[in-house]
């Protein structure tokens, strides 16, 4: 098992979650300040 391939798979699974976070205004405010 090559670590970087496993990492790629994790990133692919996380992309939709990250997109949902960016759609959530409250999370964006908390991350980037008001």
PDB file of N, CA and C in Angstrom:
ATOM      1  N   UNK A   1       0.849  -1.214   0.000  1.00  0.00           N
ATOM      2  CA  UNK A   1       0.000   0.000   0.000  1.00  0.00           C
ATOM      3  C   UNK A   1       0.872   1.247   0.000  1.00  0.00           C
ATOM      4  N   UNK A   2       0.707   2.055  -1.004  1.00  0.00           N
ATOM      5  CA  UNK A   2       1.502   3.284  -1.104  1.00  0.00           C
ATOM      6  C   UNK A   2       0.759   4.430  -0.419  1.00  0.00           C
ATOM      7  N   UNK A   3       1.418   5.099   0.520  1.00  0.00           N
ATOM      8  CA  UNK A   3       0.743   6.148   1.318  1.00  0.00           C
ATOM      9  C   UNK A   3       0.124   7.245   0.458  1.00  0.00           C
ATOM     10  N   UNK A   4       0.818   7.657  -0.621  1.00  0.00           N
ATOM     11  CA  UNK A   4       0.293   8.815  -1.360  1.00  0.00           C
ATOM     12  C   UNK A   4      -0.979   8.462  -2.125  1.00  0.00           C
ATOM     13  N   UNK A   5      -1.126   7.205  -2.526  1.00  0.00           N
ATOM     14  CA  UNK A   5      -2.372   6.794  -3.183  1.00  0.00           C
ATOM     15  C   UNK A   5      -3.519   6.818  -2.171  1.00  0.00           C
ATOM     16  N   UNK A   6      -3.234   6.333  -0.960  1.00  0.00           N
ATOM     17  CA  UNK A   6      -4.247   6.366   0.091  1.00  0.00           C
ATOM     18  C   UNK A   6      -4.654   7.811   0.390  1.00  0.00           C
ATOM     19  N   UNK A   7      -3.676   8.700   0.425  1.00  0.00           N
ATOM     20  CA  UNK A   7      -3.951  10.111   0.687  1.00  0.00           C
ATOM     21  C   UNK A   7      -4.838  10.691  -0.411  1.00  0.00           C
ATOM     22  N   UNK A   8      -4.551  10.343  -1.673  1.00  0.00           N
ATOM     23  CA  UNK A   8      -5.382  10.829  -2.775  1.00  0.00           C
ATOM     24  C   UNK A   8      -6.834  10.412  -2.593  1.00  0.00           C
ATOM     25  N   UNK A   9      -7.051   9.175  -2.188  1.00  0.00           N
ATOM     26  CA  UNK A   9      -8.416   8.689  -1.990  1.00  0.00           C
ATOM     27  C   UNK A   9      -9.116   9.453  -0.875  1.00  0.00           C
ATOM     28  N   UNK A  10      -8.402   9.735   0.191  1.00  0.00           N
ATOM     29  CA  UNK A  10      -8.979  10.500   1.300  1.00  0.00           C
ATOM     30  C   UNK A  10      -9.362  11.896   0.825  1.00  0.00           C
ATOM     31  N   UNK A  11      -8.477  12.529   0.047  1.00  0.00           N
ATOM     32  CA  UNK A  11      -8.763  13.871  -0.459  1.00  0.00           C
ATOM     33  C   UNK A  11     -10.008  13.841  -1.343  1.00  0.00           C
ATOM     34  N   UNK A  12     -10.121  12.835  -2.217  1.00  0.00           N
ATOM     35  CA  UNK A  12     -11.305  12.726  -3.080  1.00  0.00           C
ATOM     36  C   UNK A  12     -12.576  12.637  -2.249  1.00  0.00           C
ATOM     37  N   UNK A  13     -12.532  11.875  -1.160  1.00  0.00           N
ATOM     38  CA  UNK A  13     -13.720  11.731  -0.317  1.00  0.00           C
ATOM     39  C   UNK A  13     -14.032  13.018   0.435  1.00  0.00           C
ATOM     40  N   UNK A  14     -13.004  13.797   0.742  1.00  0.00           N
ATOM     41  CA  UNK A  14     -13.200  15.009   1.542  1.00  0.00           C
ATOM     42  C   UNK A  14     -13.665  16.201   0.716  1.00  0.00           C
ATOM     43  N   UNK A  15     -13.455  16.174  -0.603  1.00  0.00           N
ATOM     44  CA  UNK A  15     -13.795  17.344  -1.426  1.00  0.00           C
ATOM     45  C   UNK A  15     -15.270  17.738  -1.281  1.00  0.00           C
ATOM     46  N   UNK A  16     -16.225  16.808  -1.383  1.00  0.00           N
ATOM     47  CA  UNK A  16     -17.631  17.223  -1.218  1.00  0.00           C
ATOM     48  C   UNK A  16     -17.904  17.838   0.148  1.00  0.00           C
ATOM     49  N   UNK A  17     -17.244  17.302   1.181  1.00  0.00           N
ATOM     50  CA  UNK A  17     -17.429  17.848   2.532  1.00  0.00           C
ATOM     51  C   UNK A  17     -16.903  19.269   2.597  1.00  0.00           C
ATOM     52  N   UNK A  18     -15.735  19.503   1.996  1.00  0.00           N
ATOM     53  CA  UNK A  18     -15.150  20.847   1.993  1.00  0.00           C
ATOM     54  C   UNK A  18     -16.051  21.804   1.217  1.00  0.00           C
ATOM     55  N   UNK A  19     -16.603  21.345   0.092  1.00  0.00           N
ATOM     56  CA  UNK A  19     -17.506  22.201  -0.687  1.00  0.00           C
ATOM     57  C   UNK A  19     -18.725  22.569   0.152  1.00  0.00           C
ATOM     58  N   UNK A  20     -19.254  21.604   0.902  1.00  0.00           N
ATOM     59  CA  UNK A  20     -20.398  21.901   1.773  1.00  0.00           C
ATOM     60  C   UNK A  20     -20.029  22.920   2.837  1.00  0.00           C
ATOM     61  N   UNK A  21     -18.803  22.793   3.385  1.00  0.00           N
ATOM     62  CA  UNK A  21     -18.342  23.778   4.370  1.00  0.00           C
ATOM     63  C   UNK A  21     -18.299  25.173   3.756  1.00  0.00           C
ATOM     64  N   UNK A  22     -17.790  25.264   2.517  1.00  0.00           N
ATOM     65  CA  UNK A  22     -17.668  26.571   1.877  1.00  0.00           C
ATOM     66  C   UNK A  22     -19.043  27.156   1.552  1.00  0.00           C
ATOM     67  N   UNK A  23     -20.033  26.296   1.320  1.00  0.00           N
ATOM     68  CA  UNK A  23     -21.391  26.783   1.073  1.00  0.00           C
ATOM     69  C   UNK A  23     -22.037  27.296   2.351  1.00  0.00           C
ATOM     70  N   UNK A  24     -21.527  26.837   3.507  1.00  0.00           N
ATOM     71  CA  UNK A  24     -22.095  27.218   4.797  1.00  0.00           C
ATOM     72  C   UNK A  24     -21.475  28.545   5.234  1.00  0.00           C
ATOM     73  N   UNK A  25     -22.252  29.613   5.164  1.00  0.00           N
ATOM     74  CA  UNK A  25     -21.738  30.961   5.445  1.00  0.00           C
ATOM     75  C   UNK A  25     -21.135  31.057   6.839  1.00  0.00           C
ATOM     76  N   UNK A  26     -21.737  30.379   7.802  1.00  0.00           N
ATOM     77  CA  UNK A  26     -21.261  30.475   9.181  1.00  0.00           C
ATOM     78  C   UNK A  26     -19.835  29.943   9.290  1.00  0.00           C
ATOM     79  N   UNK A  27     -19.567  28.818   8.632  1.00  0.00           N
ATOM     80  CA  UNK A  27     -18.222  28.239   8.669  1.00  0.00           C
ATOM     81  C   UNK A  27     -17.230  29.173   7.995  1.00  0.00           C
ATOM     82  N   UNK A  28     -17.616  29.741   6.858  1.00  0.00           N
ATOM     83  CA  UNK A  28     -16.722  30.663   6.146  1.00  0.00           C
ATOM     84  C   UNK A  28     -16.408  31.864   7.027  1.00  0.00           C
ATOM     85  N   UNK A  29     -17.421  32.388   7.725  1.00  0.00           N
ATOM     86  CA  UNK A  29     -17.195  33.525   8.628  1.00  0.00           C
ATOM     87  C   UNK A  29     -16.217  33.156   9.733  1.00  0.00           C
ATOM     88  N   UNK A  30     -16.381  31.970  10.298  1.00  0.00           N
ATOM     89  CA  UNK A  30     -15.500  31.546  11.387  1.00  0.00           C
ATOM     90  C   UNK A  30     -14.072  31.373  10.897  1.00  0.00           C
ATOM     91  N   UNK A  31     -13.908  30.860   9.671  1.00  0.00           N
ATOM     92  CA  UNK A  31     -12.569  30.633   9.134  1.00  0.00           C
ATOM     93  C   UNK A  31     -11.893  31.933   8.735  1.00  0.00           C
ATOM     94  N   UNK A  32     -12.630  32.781   8.023  1.00  0.00           N
ATOM     95  CA  UNK A  32     -11.996  33.938   7.371  1.00  0.00           C
ATOM     96  C   UNK A  32     -12.277  35.253   8.087  1.00  0.00           C
ATOM     97  N   UNK A  33     -12.928  35.156   9.222  1.00  0.00           N
ATOM     98  CA  UNK A  33     -13.181  36.362   9.999  1.00  0.00           C
ATOM     99  C   UNK A  33     -14.375  37.134   9.492  1.00  0.00           C
ATOM    100  N   UNK A  34     -14.876  38.016  10.357  1.00  0.00           N
ATOM    101  CA  UNK A  34     -16.044  38.818   9.966  1.00  0.00           C
ATOM    102  C   UNK A  34     -15.627  40.222   9.603  1.00  0.00           C
TER     103      UNK A  34
END
